[in-house]
Amino acid sequence: MKLKLDLYDTYNKGDRIEDTLNGIIREAVEKKSPIIKIIPGRGSGQLKKKVGYVLNSILFRV
């Protein structure tokens, strides 16, 4: 099973990005899903950079 997260709706809500990513990671663990497809939205790539930063910070906390 592959989970999908579209972050286009949370583009201007930077404080919600970390909560959203944490939620999808918890869901993946609960459902034993090895793959999460993250769609960072459209534009200049700023959201993609923020997602990368947040994911790195989550990984280092584990």
C-alpha atoms as a PDB file:
ATOM      1  CA  MET A   1       0.000   0.000   0.000  1.00  0.00           C
ATOM      2  CA  LYS A   2       1.275   3.465  -0.907  1.00  0.00           C
ATOM      3  CA  LEU A   3       0.050   6.547   0.943  1.00  0.00           C
ATOM      4  CA  LYS A   4      -0.200   9.914  -0.791  1.00  0.00           C
ATOM      5  CA  LEU A   5       0.100  13.371   0.753  1.00  0.00           C
ATOM      6  CA  ASP A   6      -0.653  16.459  -1.323  1.00  0.00           C
ATOM      7  CA  LEU A   7       0.751  19.550   0.398  1.00  0.00           C
ATOM      8  CA  TYR A   8      -0.613  22.059  -2.100  1.00  0.00           C
ATOM      9  CA  ASP A   9      -3.415  23.002   0.326  1.00  0.00           C
ATOM     10  CA  THR A  10      -0.972  23.692   3.166  1.00  0.00           C
ATOM     11  CA  TYR A  11       1.351  25.843   1.050  1.00  0.00           C
ATOM     12  CA  ASN A  12       1.031  29.030   3.131  1.00  0.00           C
ATOM     13  CA  LYS A  13       0.586  27.255   6.457  1.00  0.00           C
ATOM     14  CA  GLY A  14       4.200  26.504   7.329  1.00  0.00           C
ATOM     15  CA  ASP A  15       3.400  25.635  10.929  1.00  0.00           C
ATOM     16  CA  ARG A  16       1.029  22.883   9.764  1.00  0.00           C
ATOM     17  CA  ILE A  17       3.521  21.191   7.441  1.00  0.00           C
ATOM     18  CA  GLU A  18       5.369  19.436  10.260  1.00  0.00           C
ATOM     19  CA  ASP A  19       2.099  18.276  11.863  1.00  0.00           C
ATOM     20  CA  THR A  20       0.838  17.002   8.503  1.00  0.00           C
ATOM     21  CA  LEU A  21       4.063  15.102   7.810  1.00  0.00           C
ATOM     22  CA  ASN A  22       4.087  13.610  11.305  1.00  0.00           C
ATOM     23  CA  GLY A  23       0.498  12.488  10.795  1.00  0.00           C
ATOM     24  CA  ILE A  24       1.168  10.720   7.485  1.00  0.00           C
ATOM     25  CA  ILE A  25       4.255   9.035   8.949  1.00  0.00           C
ATOM     26  CA  ARG A  26       2.198   7.761  11.905  1.00  0.00           C
ATOM     27  CA  GLU A  27      -0.470   6.524   9.486  1.00  0.00           C
ATOM     28  CA  ALA A  28       2.170   4.727   7.399  1.00  0.00           C
ATOM     29  CA  VAL A  29       3.528   2.996  10.499  1.00  0.00           C
ATOM     30  CA  GLU A  30       0.045   1.962  11.640  1.00  0.00           C
ATOM     31  CA  LYS A  31      -0.882   0.617   8.193  1.00  0.00           C
ATOM     32  CA  LYS A  32       2.602  -0.827   7.637  1.00  0.00           C
ATOM     33  CA  SER A  33       2.925   1.107   4.404  1.00  0.00           C
ATOM     34  CA  PRO A  34       6.527   1.204   3.155  1.00  0.00           C
ATOM     35  CA  ILE A  35       5.946   4.116   0.736  1.00  0.00           C
ATOM     36  CA  ILE A  36       4.648   7.653   1.207  1.00  0.00           C
ATOM     37  CA  LYS A  37       4.290   9.756  -1.922  1.00  0.00           C
ATOM     38  CA  ILE A  38       4.628  13.441  -1.011  1.00  0.00           C
ATOM     39  CA  ILE A  39       3.423  15.978  -3.562  1.00  0.00           C
ATOM     40  CA  PRO A  40       4.959  19.311  -2.533  1.00  0.00           C
ATOM     41  CA  GLY A  41       2.766  21.447  -4.776  1.00  0.00           C
ATOM     42  CA  ARG A  42       3.605  23.813  -7.585  1.00  0.00           C
ATOM     43  CA  GLY A  43       5.849  26.798  -7.908  1.00  0.00           C
ATOM     44  CA  SER A  44       9.417  27.754  -7.179  1.00  0.00           C
ATOM     45  CA  GLY A  45      10.335  24.805  -4.986  1.00  0.00           C
ATOM     46  CA  GLN A  46      10.258  26.612  -1.648  1.00  0.00           C
ATOM     47  CA  LEU A  47       7.713  24.178  -0.218  1.00  0.00           C
ATOM     48  CA  LYS A  48       9.795  21.240  -1.433  1.00  0.00           C
ATOM     49  CA  LYS A  49      12.819  22.658   0.403  1.00  0.00           C
ATOM     50  CA  LYS A  50      10.753  23.145   3.563  1.00  0.00           C
ATOM     51  CA  VAL A  51       9.468  19.557   3.342  1.00  0.00           C
ATOM     52  CA  GLY A  52      13.052  18.295   3.006  1.00  0.00           C
ATOM     53  CA  TYR A  53      14.123  20.329   6.017  1.00  0.00           C
ATOM     54  CA  VAL A  54      11.198  19.092   8.119  1.00  0.00           C
ATOM     55  CA  LEU A  55      11.763  15.449   7.112  1.00  0.00           C
ATOM     56  CA  ASN A  56      15.437  15.692   8.012  1.00  0.00           C
ATOM     57  CA  SER A  57      14.572  17.152  11.406  1.00  0.00           C
ATOM     58  CA  ILE A  58      12.025  14.361  12.012  1.00  0.00           C
ATOM     59  CA  LEU A  59      14.534  11.676  11.066  1.00  0.00           C
ATOM     60  CA  PHE A  60      17.180  13.048  13.414  1.00  0.00           C
ATOM     61  CA  ARG A  61      14.724  13.091  16.330  1.00  0.00           C
ATOM     62  CA  VAL A  62      13.941   9.385  16.032  1.00  0.00           C
END
